[in-house]
Amino acid sequence: MTMRTRTLGTTGPHTSALGLGCMGMSALYGDADRAESIATVHAALEAGVTLLDTGDFYAMGHNEMLIGEALRTAPAALREQALTSVKFGALRDPEGNWVGYDGRPAAVKNFAAYSLQRLGVDHIDVYRIARIDPDVPIEETVGAIAELIEKGYVRHVGLSEVGAETVRRAAATAPITDLQIEYSLISRGIERDILPTTRELGIGITAYGVLSRGLISGHFTRDRQLAANDFRAHSPRFQGENLQHNLNLVEALRKIAEQKGVTVAQIAIAWVLSRGDDIVPLVGARTRERLGESLGALDVALEAADLAAIEEAVPADAAAGDRYPTAQMAHLDSER
């Protein structure tokens, strides 16, 4: 298996061609097996995956503690190569409700202190606010991260789900390594303004949702019963006629994958990889089996004819339904 490398922006650390999104190991996709989750992190590190992505609000710190345990129990050589990407700023209440975002400089430093403790590390490699705080200029939030960099607690400034104008404002304040944003065959909005802007400024992309939360993995079925604590039970793309329409797209994609002798998930990830070396897909594997399938995408070579067939099967804007419920879409600066 060939593991490509690329740079997280012009000033950032090197990482493998895939990153591991760890959110599902703790929250939003139903129950997960802790032992298997930790084994999956270890397997990812052993395979050469270096980027581990989390958020301090994923199950209210649970995910950071899980990653901390995985790093603590990994062989020293693997632990040293791991890069942590942490999102902060989302506020939760004891019932798990979302109650806003906090990007004030004092809050940034407070969030970082807790994340360092839960992760068991002396620094965070990429630190980013999950969604911009509408009451705090992005310059103030980014400036606070820059102060943490000066003190050695953070290595690089990242962004998450922001639009092109915000990217420019942030980059004028401090060097930005990376923008984390949803990007997949059925979520291609960044191609209009955001991706051209990051490329102009030399900022990398960490693409999450590359399988659209399992929707285009080839494993999701119309009759699947989702737990009440599964985000997808409330996601527009997984509802009624939207779901059927989107699964029809998956079946069209499956025909192309079968002709190449690969899985639907592998061809979907390979498509994201084909969009440029400045893009690192995050795979949200919760088990070693799913991780192994995702890693197989690195060996999928998509020729011009393959890309044309994929484009015909799943054109841009072909998906039915927004990628988040209406209330959450309102918080996305990237959609404005």
C-alpha atoms as a PDB file:
ATOM      1  CA  MET A   1       0.000   0.000   0.000  1.00  0.00           C
ATOM      2  CA  THR A   2       1.383   3.382  -0.987  1.00  0.00           C
ATOM      3  CA  MET A   3       0.917   6.165   1.567  1.00  0.00           C
ATOM      4  CA  ARG A   4       1.193   9.603   0.019  1.00  0.00           C
ATOM      5  CA  THR A   5       2.154  12.634   2.069  1.00  0.00           C
ATOM      6  CA  ARG A   6       1.277  16.265   1.736  1.00  0.00           C
ATOM      7  CA  THR A   7       1.758  19.395   3.755  1.00  0.00           C
ATOM      8  CA  LEU A   8      -0.980  20.929   5.872  1.00  0.00           C
ATOM      9  CA  GLY A   9      -0.754  24.316   4.220  1.00  0.00           C
ATOM     10  CA  THR A  10       2.496  26.089   3.445  1.00  0.00           C
ATOM     11  CA  THR A  11       3.545  26.269   7.070  1.00  0.00           C
ATOM     12  CA  GLY A  12       2.132  23.080   8.563  1.00  0.00           C
ATOM     13  CA  PRO A  13       3.247  19.592   9.513  1.00  0.00           C
ATOM     14  CA  HIS A  14       3.438  16.669   7.138  1.00  0.00           C
ATOM     15  CA  THR A  15       0.702  14.075   7.422  1.00  0.00           C
ATOM     16  CA  SER A  16      -0.405  10.945   5.630  1.00  0.00           C
ATOM     17  CA  ALA A  17      -2.878  11.073   2.763  1.00  0.00           C
ATOM     18  CA  LEU A  18      -5.724  10.077   5.097  1.00  0.00           C
ATOM     19  CA  GLY A  19      -6.635  11.255   8.570  1.00  0.00           C
ATOM     20  CA  LEU A  20      -8.759   9.512  11.188  1.00  0.00           C
ATOM     21  CA  GLY A  21     -11.864  11.345  12.369  1.00  0.00           C
ATOM     22  CA  CYS A  22     -12.553  10.010  15.849  1.00  0.00           C
ATOM     23  CA  MET A  23     -15.898  11.655  16.649  1.00  0.00           C
ATOM     24  CA  GLY A  24     -18.003   8.554  15.958  1.00  0.00           C
ATOM     25  CA  MET A  25     -16.038   6.626  18.565  1.00  0.00           C
ATOM     26  CA  SER A  26     -17.767   8.705  21.245  1.00  0.00           C
ATOM     27  CA  ALA A  27     -20.830  10.489  19.928  1.00  0.00           C
ATOM     28  CA  LEU A  28     -23.550  11.143  17.371  1.00  0.00           C
ATOM     29  CA  TYR A  29     -23.566   7.770  15.591  1.00  0.00           C
ATOM     30  CA  GLY A  30     -24.975   5.490  18.251  1.00  0.00           C
ATOM     31  CA  ASP A  31     -23.038   3.364  20.698  1.00  0.00           C
ATOM     32  CA  ALA A  32     -19.413   2.462  20.018  1.00  0.00           C
ATOM     33  CA  ASP A  33     -17.054  -0.146  21.471  1.00  0.00           C
ATOM     34  CA  ARG A  34     -14.275   1.579  23.425  1.00  0.00           C
ATOM     35  CA  ALA A  35     -11.764  -1.267  23.116  1.00  0.00           C
ATOM     36  CA  GLU A  36     -12.353  -1.554  19.374  1.00  0.00           C
ATOM     37  CA  SER A  37     -12.097   2.220  19.012  1.00  0.00           C
ATOM     38  CA  ILE A  38      -8.701   2.286  20.689  1.00  0.00           C
ATOM     39  CA  ALA A  39      -7.563  -0.696  18.618  1.00  0.00           C
ATOM     40  CA  THR A  40      -8.673   1.201  15.499  1.00  0.00           C
ATOM     41  CA  VAL A  41      -6.594   4.242  16.460  1.00  0.00           C
ATOM     42  CA  HIS A  42      -3.602   1.972  17.002  1.00  0.00           C
ATOM     43  CA  ALA A  43      -4.181   0.248  13.654  1.00  0.00           C
ATOM     44  CA  ALA A  44      -4.396   3.615  11.912  1.00  0.00           C
ATOM     45  CA  LEU A  45      -1.086   4.746  13.411  1.00  0.00           C
ATOM     46  CA  GLU A  46       0.524   1.441  12.460  1.00  0.00           C
ATOM     47  CA  ALA A  47      -0.692   1.912   8.872  1.00  0.00           C
ATOM     48  CA  GLY A  48       0.974   5.315   8.666  1.00  0.00           C
ATOM     49  CA  VAL A  49      -2.033   7.519   9.381  1.00  0.00           C
ATOM     50  CA  THR A  50      -0.770  10.362  11.531  1.00  0.00           C
ATOM     51  CA  LEU A  51      -3.630  12.862  11.800  1.00  0.00           C
ATOM     52  CA  LEU A  52      -6.137  12.212  14.605  1.00  0.00           C
ATOM     53  CA  ASP A  53      -9.081  14.604  14.600  1.00  0.00           C
ATOM     54  CA  THR A  54     -11.357  15.336  17.545  1.00  0.00           C
ATOM     55  CA  GLY A  55     -13.346  18.077  19.260  1.00  0.00           C
ATOM     56  CA  ASP A  56     -13.461  18.957  22.943  1.00  0.00           C
ATOM     57  CA  PHE A  57     -17.277  18.855  22.759  1.00  0.00           C
ATOM     58  CA  TYR A  58     -17.493  15.330  21.303  1.00  0.00           C
ATOM     59  CA  ALA A  59     -19.405  13.630  24.117  1.00  0.00           C
ATOM     60  CA  MET A  60     -18.229  16.444  26.408  1.00  0.00           C
ATOM     61  CA  GLY A  61     -14.565  15.466  26.521  1.00  0.00           C
ATOM     62  CA  HIS A  62     -15.040  11.709  26.196  1.00  0.00           C
ATOM     63  CA  ASN A  63     -13.467  11.604  22.736  1.00  0.00           C
ATOM     64  CA  GLU A  64     -10.351  13.472  23.821  1.00  0.00           C
ATOM     65  CA  MET A  65      -9.920  11.131  26.780  1.00  0.00           C
ATOM     66  CA  LEU A  66     -10.333   8.138  24.470  1.00  0.00           C
ATOM     67  CA  ILE A  67      -7.640   9.462  22.135  1.00  0.00           C
ATOM     68  CA  GLY A  68      -5.478  10.205  25.152  1.00  0.00           C
ATOM     69  CA  GLU A  69      -5.774   6.579  26.243  1.00  0.00           C
ATOM     70  CA  ALA A  70      -5.030   5.359  22.729  1.00  0.00           C
ATOM     71  CA  LEU A  71      -1.899   7.505  22.549  1.00  0.00           C
ATOM     72  CA  ARG A  72      -0.793   6.513  26.030  1.00  0.00           C
ATOM     73  CA  THR A  73      -1.062   2.806  25.208  1.00  0.00           C
ATOM     74  CA  ALA A  74       0.464   3.008  21.711  1.00  0.00           C
ATOM     75  CA  PRO A  75       4.123   2.148  21.100  1.00  0.00           C
ATOM     76  CA  ALA A  76       6.335   5.180  21.655  1.00  0.00           C
ATOM     77  CA  ALA A  77       7.339   5.493  17.994  1.00  0.00           C
ATOM     78  CA  LEU A  78       3.714   5.588  16.881  1.00  0.00           C
ATOM     79  CA  ARG A  79       2.728   7.983  19.634  1.00  0.00           C
ATOM     80  CA  GLU A  80       5.445  10.408  18.587  1.00  0.00           C
ATOM     81  CA  GLN A  81       4.295  10.488  14.960  1.00  0.00           C
ATOM     82  CA  ALA A  82       0.664  11.254  15.857  1.00  0.00           C
ATOM     83  CA  LEU A  83      -0.678  14.727  15.088  1.00  0.00           C
ATOM     84  CA  THR A  84      -3.686  16.005  17.029  1.00  0.00           C
ATOM     85  CA  SER A  85      -6.307  18.234  15.432  1.00  0.00           C
ATOM     86  CA  VAL A  86      -8.761  19.689  17.947  1.00  0.00           C
ATOM     87  CA  LYS A  87     -11.913  21.739  17.447  1.00  0.00           C
ATOM     88  CA  PHE A  88     -13.232  23.885  20.276  1.00  0.00           C
ATOM     89  CA  GLY A  89     -15.876  26.477  20.976  1.00  0.00           C
ATOM     90  CA  ALA A  90     -19.135  24.516  20.747  1.00  0.00           C
ATOM     91  CA  LEU A  91     -21.099  24.752  23.986  1.00  0.00           C
ATOM     92  CA  ARG A  92     -23.173  21.881  25.380  1.00  0.00           C
ATOM     93  CA  ASP A  93     -25.485  21.463  28.358  1.00  0.00           C
ATOM     94  CA  PRO A  94     -25.768  18.350  30.588  1.00  0.00           C
ATOM     95  CA  GLU A  95     -28.455  16.901  28.312  1.00  0.00           C
ATOM     96  CA  GLY A  96     -26.120  17.209  25.331  1.00  0.00           C
ATOM     97  CA  ASN A  97     -27.981  20.099  23.713  1.00  0.00           C
ATOM     98  CA  TRP A  98     -26.057  22.611  21.609  1.00  0.00           C
ATOM     99  CA  VAL A  99     -26.246  26.015  23.256  1.00  0.00           C
ATOM    100  CA  GLY A 100     -23.950  28.250  21.223  1.00  0.00           C
ATOM    101  CA  TYR A 101     -20.314  28.967  20.407  1.00  0.00           C
ATOM    102  CA  ASP A 102     -17.628  30.823  22.334  1.00  0.00           C
ATOM    103  CA  GLY A 103     -14.643  32.286  20.516  1.00  0.00           C
ATOM    104  CA  ARG A 104     -13.523  34.830  23.122  1.00  0.00           C
ATOM    105  CA  PRO A 105      -9.742  34.824  23.676  1.00  0.00           C
ATOM    106  CA  ALA A 106     -10.096  33.877  27.348  1.00  0.00           C
ATOM    107  CA  ALA A 107     -12.371  30.990  26.407  1.00  0.00           C
ATOM    108  CA  VAL A 108      -9.938  29.803  23.709  1.00  0.00           C
ATOM    109  CA  LYS A 109      -7.166  29.518  26.278  1.00  0.00           C
ATOM    110  CA  ASN A 110      -9.465  27.848  28.793  1.00  0.00           C
ATOM    111  CA  PHE A 111     -10.639  25.261  26.247  1.00  0.00           C
ATOM    112  CA  ALA A 112      -7.015  24.523  25.294  1.00  0.00           C
ATOM    113  CA  ALA A 113      -5.995  23.929  28.905  1.00  0.00           C
ATOM    114  CA  TYR A 114      -8.665  21.264  29.332  1.00  0.00           C
ATOM    115  CA  SER A 115      -7.892  19.626  25.969  1.00  0.00           C
ATOM    116  CA  LEU A 116      -4.188  19.325  26.778  1.00  0.00           C
ATOM    117  CA  GLN A 117      -5.078  17.589  30.040  1.00  0.00           C
ATOM    118  CA  ARG A 118      -7.608  15.181  28.513  1.00  0.00           C
ATOM    119  CA  LEU A 119      -5.363  14.273  25.596  1.00  0.00           C
ATOM    120  CA  GLY A 120      -2.329  13.873  27.842  1.00  0.00           C
ATOM    121  CA  VAL A 121      -0.098  15.897  25.503  1.00  0.00           C
ATOM    122  CA  ASP A 122       2.049  18.986  25.927  1.00  0.00           C
ATOM    123  CA  HIS A 123       0.844  20.593  22.719  1.00  0.00           C
ATOM    124  CA  ILE A 124      -1.963  20.429  20.152  1.00  0.00           C
ATOM    125  CA  ASP A 125      -0.813  20.297  16.542  1.00  0.00           C
ATOM    126  CA  VAL A 126      -3.774  22.041  14.867  1.00  0.00           C
ATOM    127  CA  TYR A 127      -6.270  24.038  16.918  1.00  0.00           C
ATOM    128  CA  ARG A 128      -9.456  25.514  15.433  1.00  0.00           C
ATOM    129  CA  ILE A 129     -12.837  26.873  16.472  1.00  0.00           C
ATOM    130  CA  ALA A 130     -15.558  24.481  15.296  1.00  0.00           C
ATOM    131  CA  ARG A 131     -17.930  27.237  14.144  1.00  0.00           C
ATOM    132  CA  ILE A 132     -17.261  30.952  14.307  1.00  0.00           C
ATOM    133  CA  ASP A 133     -18.745  32.854  17.208  1.00  0.00           C
ATOM    134  CA  PRO A 134     -20.987  35.525  15.643  1.00  0.00           C
ATOM    135  CA  ASP A 135     -20.280  37.847  18.575  1.00  0.00           C
ATOM    136  CA  VAL A 136     -16.474  37.641  18.372  1.00  0.00           C
ATOM    137  CA  PRO A 137     -14.426  38.753  15.348  1.00  0.00           C
ATOM    138  CA  ILE A 138     -12.453  35.863  13.866  1.00  0.00           C
ATOM    139  CA  GLU A 139      -9.322  38.005  14.248  1.00  0.00           C
ATOM    140  CA  GLU A 140      -9.662  37.858  18.050  1.00  0.00           C
ATOM    141  CA  THR A 141     -10.177  34.100  18.106  1.00  0.00           C
ATOM    142  CA  VAL A 142      -7.261  33.431  15.751  1.00  0.00           C
ATOM    143  CA  GLY A 143      -5.119  35.906  17.669  1.00  0.00           C
ATOM    144  CA  ALA A 144      -5.676  33.928  20.860  1.00  0.00           C
ATOM    145  CA  ILE A 145      -4.557  30.726  19.137  1.00  0.00           C
ATOM    146  CA  ALA A 146      -1.467  32.574  17.884  1.00  0.00           C
ATOM    147  CA  GLU A 147      -0.674  33.482  21.495  1.00  0.00           C
ATOM    148  CA  LEU A 148      -0.939  29.801  22.438  1.00  0.00           C
ATOM    149  CA  ILE A 149       1.514  29.040  19.627  1.00  0.00           C
ATOM    150  CA  GLU A 150       3.975  31.589  21.019  1.00  0.00           C
ATOM    151  CA  LYS A 151       3.826  29.790  24.367  1.00  0.00           C
ATOM    152  CA  GLY A 152       4.285  26.333  22.824  1.00  0.00           C
ATOM    153  CA  TYR A 153       0.858  24.912  23.599  1.00  0.00           C
ATOM    154  CA  VAL A 154      -0.291  24.825  19.972  1.00  0.00           C
ATOM    155  CA  ARG A 155       1.659  24.319  16.750  1.00  0.00           C
ATOM    156  CA  HIS A 156      -0.668  25.575  14.008  1.00  0.00           C
ATOM    157  CA  VAL A 157      -3.853  27.603  13.537  1.00  0.00           C
ATOM    158  CA  GLY A 158      -6.706  25.848  11.766  1.00  0.00           C
ATOM    159  CA  LEU A 159     -10.192  26.861  10.692  1.00  0.00           C
ATOM    160  CA  SER A 160     -13.443  24.928  10.422  1.00  0.00           C
ATOM    161  CA  GLU A 161     -16.530  25.444   8.238  1.00  0.00           C
ATOM    162  CA  VAL A 162     -15.844  29.079   7.337  1.00  0.00           C
ATOM    163  CA  GLY A 163     -16.403  30.926   4.097  1.00  0.00           C
ATOM    164  CA  ALA A 164     -13.847  32.499   1.768  1.00  0.00           C
ATOM    165  CA  GLU A 165     -14.078  35.974   3.310  1.00  0.00           C
ATOM    166  CA  THR A 166     -13.462  34.620   6.809  1.00  0.00           C
ATOM    167  CA  VAL A 167     -10.511  32.598   5.526  1.00  0.00           C
ATOM    168  CA  ARG A 168      -8.953  35.798   4.185  1.00  0.00           C
ATOM    169  CA  ARG A 169      -9.559  37.725   7.413  1.00  0.00           C
ATOM    170  CA  ALA A 170      -8.075  34.936   9.497  1.00  0.00           C
ATOM    171  CA  ALA A 171      -5.050  34.570   7.219  1.00  0.00           C
ATOM    172  CA  ALA A 172      -4.379  38.304   7.508  1.00  0.00           C
ATOM    173  CA  THR A 173      -4.158  37.834  11.288  1.00  0.00           C
ATOM    174  CA  ALA A 174      -1.916  34.768  11.529  1.00  0.00           C
ATOM    175  CA  PRO A 175      -0.622  31.985   9.255  1.00  0.00           C
ATOM    176  CA  ILE A 176      -3.417  29.463   8.699  1.00  0.00           C
ATOM    177  CA  THR A 177      -2.371  25.866   8.156  1.00  0.00           C
ATOM    178  CA  ASP A 178      -5.606  24.165   7.331  1.00  0.00           C
ATOM    179  CA  LEU A 179      -9.350  24.488   6.819  1.00  0.00           C
ATOM    180  CA  GLN A 180     -11.501  21.580   7.920  1.00  0.00           C
ATOM    181  CA  ILE A 181     -14.720  21.428   5.944  1.00  0.00           C
ATOM    182  CA  GLU A 182     -17.179  18.906   4.549  1.00  0.00           C
ATOM    183  CA  TYR A 183     -16.260  17.713   1.055  1.00  0.00           C
ATOM    184  CA  SER A 184     -17.463  14.647  -0.776  1.00  0.00           C
ATOM    185  CA  LEU A 185     -19.025  13.561  -4.036  1.00  0.00           C
ATOM    186  CA  ILE A 186     -22.379  14.855  -2.776  1.00  0.00           C
ATOM    187  CA  SER A 187     -21.095  17.879  -0.818  1.00  0.00           C
ATOM    188  CA  ARG A 188     -19.134  19.986  -3.284  1.00  0.00           C
ATOM    189  CA  GLY A 189     -19.999  23.533  -2.283  1.00  0.00           C
ATOM    190  CA  ILE A 190     -16.376  24.435  -1.472  1.00  0.00           C
ATOM    191  CA  GLU A 191     -15.463  24.204  -5.146  1.00  0.00           C
ATOM    192  CA  ARG A 192     -17.145  27.537  -5.936  1.00  0.00           C
ATOM    193  CA  ASP A 193     -15.291  30.035  -3.732  1.00  0.00           C
ATOM    194  CA  ILE A 194     -13.661  28.381  -0.733  1.00  0.00           C
ATOM    195  CA  LEU A 195     -11.270  25.959  -2.418  1.00  0.00           C
ATOM    196  CA  PRO A 196      -9.947  28.583  -4.880  1.00  0.00           C
ATOM    197  CA  THR A 197      -9.308  30.885  -1.909  1.00  0.00           C
ATOM    198  CA  THR A 198      -7.437  28.314   0.178  1.00  0.00           C
ATOM    199  CA  ARG A 199      -5.319  27.396  -2.829  1.00  0.00           C
ATOM    200  CA  GLU A 200      -4.507  31.027  -3.512  1.00  0.00           C
ATOM    201  CA  LEU A 201      -3.381  31.430   0.109  1.00  0.00           C
ATOM    202  CA  GLY A 202      -1.566  28.097   0.397  1.00  0.00           C
ATOM    203  CA  ILE A 203      -3.957  26.666   2.996  1.00  0.00           C
ATOM    204  CA  GLY A 204      -4.630  22.937   3.066  1.00  0.00           C
ATOM    205  CA  ILE A 205      -8.025  21.256   3.309  1.00  0.00           C
ATOM    206  CA  THR A 206      -8.978  18.536   5.767  1.00  0.00           C
ATOM    207  CA  ALA A 207     -12.122  17.058   4.224  1.00  0.00           C
ATOM    208  CA  TYR A 208     -14.594  15.509   6.627  1.00  0.00           C
ATOM    209  CA  GLY A 209     -17.795  13.706   5.690  1.00  0.00           C
ATOM    210  CA  VAL A 210     -16.108  12.096   2.674  1.00  0.00           C
ATOM    211  CA  LEU A 211     -18.652   9.263   2.885  1.00  0.00           C
ATOM    212  CA  SER A 212     -21.419  11.674   3.895  1.00  0.00           C
ATOM    213  CA  ARG A 213     -21.782  10.022   7.320  1.00  0.00           C
ATOM    214  CA  GLY A 214     -21.975   6.574   5.785  1.00  0.00           C
ATOM    215  CA  LEU A 215     -24.630   7.524   3.236  1.00  0.00           C
ATOM    216  CA  ILE A 216     -22.335   6.904   0.256  1.00  0.00           C
ATOM    217  CA  SER A 217     -20.289   4.152   1.909  1.00  0.00           C
ATOM    218  CA  GLY A 218     -22.197   1.400   0.139  1.00  0.00           C
ATOM    219  CA  HIS A 219     -23.171  -0.078   3.495  1.00  0.00           C
ATOM    220  CA  PHE A 220     -26.220   2.034   4.348  1.00  0.00           C
ATOM    221  CA  THR A 221     -29.650   0.586   3.524  1.00  0.00           C
ATOM    222  CA  ARG A 222     -33.094   2.163   3.365  1.00  0.00           C
ATOM    223  CA  ASP A 223     -34.489  -0.076   6.109  1.00  0.00           C
ATOM    224  CA  ARG A 224     -31.681   0.563   8.588  1.00  0.00           C
ATOM    225  CA  GLN A 225     -32.977   1.515  12.018  1.00  0.00           C
ATOM    226  CA  LEU A 226     -31.089   4.394  13.595  1.00  0.00           C
ATOM    227  CA  ALA A 227     -30.781   4.909  17.334  1.00  0.00           C
ATOM    228  CA  ALA A 228     -32.240   8.058  18.865  1.00  0.00           C
ATOM    229  CA  ASN A 229     -28.706   9.269  19.666  1.00  0.00           C
ATOM    230  CA  ASP A 230     -27.604   8.849  16.036  1.00  0.00           C
ATOM    231  CA  PHE A 231     -27.232  12.200  14.249  1.00  0.00           C
ATOM    232  CA  ARG A 232     -28.474  10.658  11.015  1.00  0.00           C
ATOM    233  CA  ALA A 233     -31.933  10.047  12.474  1.00  0.00           C
ATOM    234  CA  HIS A 234     -32.451  13.810  12.161  1.00  0.00           C
ATOM    235  CA  SER A 235     -30.308  14.555   9.107  1.00  0.00           C
ATOM    236  CA  PRO A 236     -32.266  15.711   6.023  1.00  0.00           C
ATOM    237  CA  ARG A 237     -30.310  13.485   3.655  1.00  0.00           C
ATOM    238  CA  PHE A 238     -31.392  10.369   5.560  1.00  0.00           C
ATOM    239  CA  GLN A 239     -35.115  11.127   5.556  1.00  0.00           C
ATOM    240  CA  GLY A 240     -37.879   9.645   3.384  1.00  0.00           C
ATOM    241  CA  GLU A 241     -37.682  10.450  -0.310  1.00  0.00           C
ATOM    242  CA  ASN A 242     -34.341  12.184   0.169  1.00  0.00           C
ATOM    243  CA  LEU A 243     -32.827   8.938   1.413  1.00  0.00           C
ATOM    244  CA  GLN A 244     -34.186   6.923  -1.500  1.00  0.00           C
ATOM    245  CA  HIS A 245     -32.909   9.474  -4.014  1.00  0.00           C
ATOM    246  CA  ASN A 246     -29.458   9.498  -2.422  1.00  0.00           C
ATOM    247  CA  LEU A 247     -29.255   5.714  -2.247  1.00  0.00           C
ATOM    248  CA  ASN A 248     -30.065   5.628  -5.958  1.00  0.00           C
ATOM    249  CA  LEU A 249     -26.940   7.723  -6.490  1.00  0.00           C
ATOM    250  CA  VAL A 250     -24.983   5.193  -4.454  1.00  0.00           C
ATOM    251  CA  GLU A 251     -26.197   2.350  -6.660  1.00  0.00           C
ATOM    252  CA  ALA A 252     -25.021   4.233  -9.748  1.00  0.00           C
ATOM    253  CA  LEU A 253     -21.657   4.670  -8.073  1.00  0.00           C
ATOM    254  CA  ARG A 254     -21.592   0.985  -7.091  1.00  0.00           C
ATOM    255  CA  LYS A 255     -21.644  -0.038 -10.758  1.00  0.00           C
ATOM    256  CA  ILE A 256     -18.485   1.960 -11.406  1.00  0.00           C
ATOM    257  CA  ALA A 257     -16.807   0.588  -8.280  1.00  0.00           C
ATOM    258  CA  GLU A 258     -17.606  -2.996  -9.254  1.00  0.00           C
ATOM    259  CA  GLN A 259     -16.121  -2.474 -12.712  1.00  0.00           C
ATOM    260  CA  LYS A 260     -12.867  -1.442 -11.021  1.00  0.00           C
ATOM    261  CA  GLY A 261     -13.009  -4.242  -8.474  1.00  0.00           C
ATOM    262  CA  VAL A 262     -13.232  -1.899  -5.477  1.00  0.00           C
ATOM    263  CA  THR A 263     -15.891  -0.969  -2.945  1.00  0.00           C
ATOM    264  CA  VAL A 264     -18.212   2.031  -3.061  1.00  0.00           C
ATOM    265  CA  ALA A 265     -16.471   3.556  -0.046  1.00  0.00           C
ATOM    266  CA  GLN A 266     -13.073   3.158  -1.650  1.00  0.00           C
ATOM    267  CA  ILE A 267     -14.075   4.853  -4.879  1.00  0.00           C
ATOM    268  CA  ALA A 268     -15.780   7.691  -2.969  1.00  0.00           C
ATOM    269  CA  ILE A 269     -12.634   8.301  -0.890  1.00  0.00           C
ATOM    270  CA  ALA A 270     -10.405   7.945  -3.938  1.00  0.00           C
ATOM    271  CA  TRP A 271     -12.463  10.631  -5.670  1.00  0.00           C
ATOM    272  CA  VAL A 272     -11.727  13.076  -2.843  1.00  0.00           C
ATOM    273  CA  LEU A 273      -8.042  12.121  -2.984  1.00  0.00           C
ATOM    274  CA  SER A 274      -8.064  12.834  -6.713  1.00  0.00           C
ATOM    275  CA  ARG A 275      -9.074  16.451  -6.149  1.00  0.00           C
ATOM    276  CA  GLY A 276      -5.568  17.507  -5.144  1.00  0.00           C
ATOM    277  CA  ASP A 277      -2.599  16.840  -2.882  1.00  0.00           C
ATOM    278  CA  ASP A 278      -3.684  19.763  -0.715  1.00  0.00           C
ATOM    279  CA  ILE A 279      -6.741  17.766   0.432  1.00  0.00           C
ATOM    280  CA  VAL A 280      -6.585  15.143   3.181  1.00  0.00           C
ATOM    281  CA  PRO A 281      -9.776  13.096   3.614  1.00  0.00           C
ATOM    282  CA  LEU A 282     -10.789  12.262   7.173  1.00  0.00           C
ATOM    283  CA  VAL A 283     -12.234   8.771   7.428  1.00  0.00           C
ATOM    284  CA  GLY A 284     -14.600   8.217  10.331  1.00  0.00           C
ATOM    285  CA  ALA A 285     -13.847   4.520  10.780  1.00  0.00           C
ATOM    286  CA  ARG A 286     -14.928   3.150  14.156  1.00  0.00           C
ATOM    287  CA  THR A 287     -13.621  -0.381  13.578  1.00  0.00           C
ATOM    288  CA  ARG A 288     -10.457  -1.914  12.172  1.00  0.00           C
ATOM    289  CA  GLU A 289     -12.520  -3.521   9.412  1.00  0.00           C
ATOM    290  CA  ARG A 290     -13.870  -0.196   8.171  1.00  0.00           C
ATOM    291  CA  LEU A 291     -10.442   1.393   8.564  1.00  0.00           C
ATOM    292  CA  GLY A 292      -8.902  -1.308   6.386  1.00  0.00           C
ATOM    293  CA  GLU A 293     -11.503  -0.703   3.703  1.00  0.00           C
ATOM    294  CA  SER A 294     -10.840   3.047   3.773  1.00  0.00           C
ATOM    295  CA  LEU A 295      -7.078   2.582   3.529  1.00  0.00           C
ATOM    296  CA  GLY A 296      -7.660   0.516   0.401  1.00  0.00           C
ATOM    297  CA  ALA A 297      -8.704   3.751  -1.325  1.00  0.00           C
ATOM    298  CA  LEU A 298      -5.047   4.757  -1.426  1.00  0.00           C
ATOM    299  CA  ASP A 299      -4.450   2.066  -4.040  1.00  0.00           C
ATOM    300  CA  VAL A 300      -7.355   3.104  -6.269  1.00  0.00           C
ATOM    301  CA  ALA A 301      -6.124   4.948  -9.361  1.00  0.00           C
ATOM    302  CA  LEU A 302      -8.879   6.911 -11.046  1.00  0.00           C
ATOM    303  CA  GLU A 303      -8.240   7.572 -14.716  1.00  0.00           C
ATOM    304  CA  ALA A 304      -9.914  10.346 -16.719  1.00  0.00           C
ATOM    305  CA  ALA A 305     -12.585   7.917 -17.943  1.00  0.00           C
ATOM    306  CA  ASP A 306     -13.317   6.847 -14.355  1.00  0.00           C
ATOM    307  CA  LEU A 307     -13.697  10.445 -13.209  1.00  0.00           C
ATOM    308  CA  ALA A 308     -16.013  11.215 -16.123  1.00  0.00           C
ATOM    309  CA  ALA A 309     -18.156   8.186 -15.283  1.00  0.00           C
ATOM    310  CA  ILE A 310     -18.313   9.197 -11.630  1.00  0.00           C
ATOM    311  CA  GLU A 311     -19.301  12.739 -12.586  1.00  0.00           C
ATOM    312  CA  GLU A 312     -22.098  11.398 -14.772  1.00  0.00           C
ATOM    313  CA  ALA A 313     -23.334   9.035 -12.060  1.00  0.00           C
ATOM    314  CA  VAL A 314     -23.148  11.589  -9.247  1.00  0.00           C
ATOM    315  CA  PRO A 315     -23.125  15.137 -10.639  1.00  0.00           C
ATOM    316  CA  ALA A 316     -22.427  18.130  -8.431  1.00  0.00           C
ATOM    317  CA  ASP A 317     -25.512  19.155  -6.430  1.00  0.00           C
ATOM    318  CA  ALA A 318     -27.153  15.784  -7.124  1.00  0.00           C
ATOM    319  CA  ALA A 319     -27.874  15.028  -3.456  1.00  0.00           C
ATOM    320  CA  ALA A 320     -31.322  15.541  -1.977  1.00  0.00           C
ATOM    321  CA  GLY A 321     -31.490  17.359   1.354  1.00  0.00           C
ATOM    322  CA  ASP A 322     -29.150  19.674   3.239  1.00  0.00           C
ATOM    323  CA  ARG A 323     -26.125  18.211   4.960  1.00  0.00           C
ATOM    324  CA  TYR A 324     -27.320  19.467   8.372  1.00  0.00           C
ATOM    325  CA  PRO A 325     -30.746  20.216   9.878  1.00  0.00           C
ATOM    326  CA  THR A 326     -31.922  23.785   9.251  1.00  0.00           C
ATOM    327  CA  ALA A 327     -30.968  25.107  12.697  1.00  0.00           C
ATOM    328  CA  GLN A 328     -27.390  23.885  12.329  1.00  0.00           C
ATOM    329  CA  MET A 329     -27.070  25.132   8.754  1.00  0.00           C
ATOM    330  CA  ALA A 330     -27.722  28.633  10.093  1.00  0.00           C
ATOM    331  CA  HIS A 331     -24.441  28.460  12.038  1.00  0.00           C
ATOM    332  CA  LEU A 332     -22.311  27.567   9.006  1.00  0.00           C
ATOM    333  CA  ASP A 333     -20.313  30.541   7.818  1.00  0.00           C
ATOM    334  CA  SER A 334     -19.273  28.371   4.867  1.00  0.00           C
ATOM    335  CA  GLU A 335     -22.860  28.373   3.593  1.00  0.00           C
ATOM    336  CA  ARG A 336     -23.393  32.129   3.658  1.00  0.00           C
END
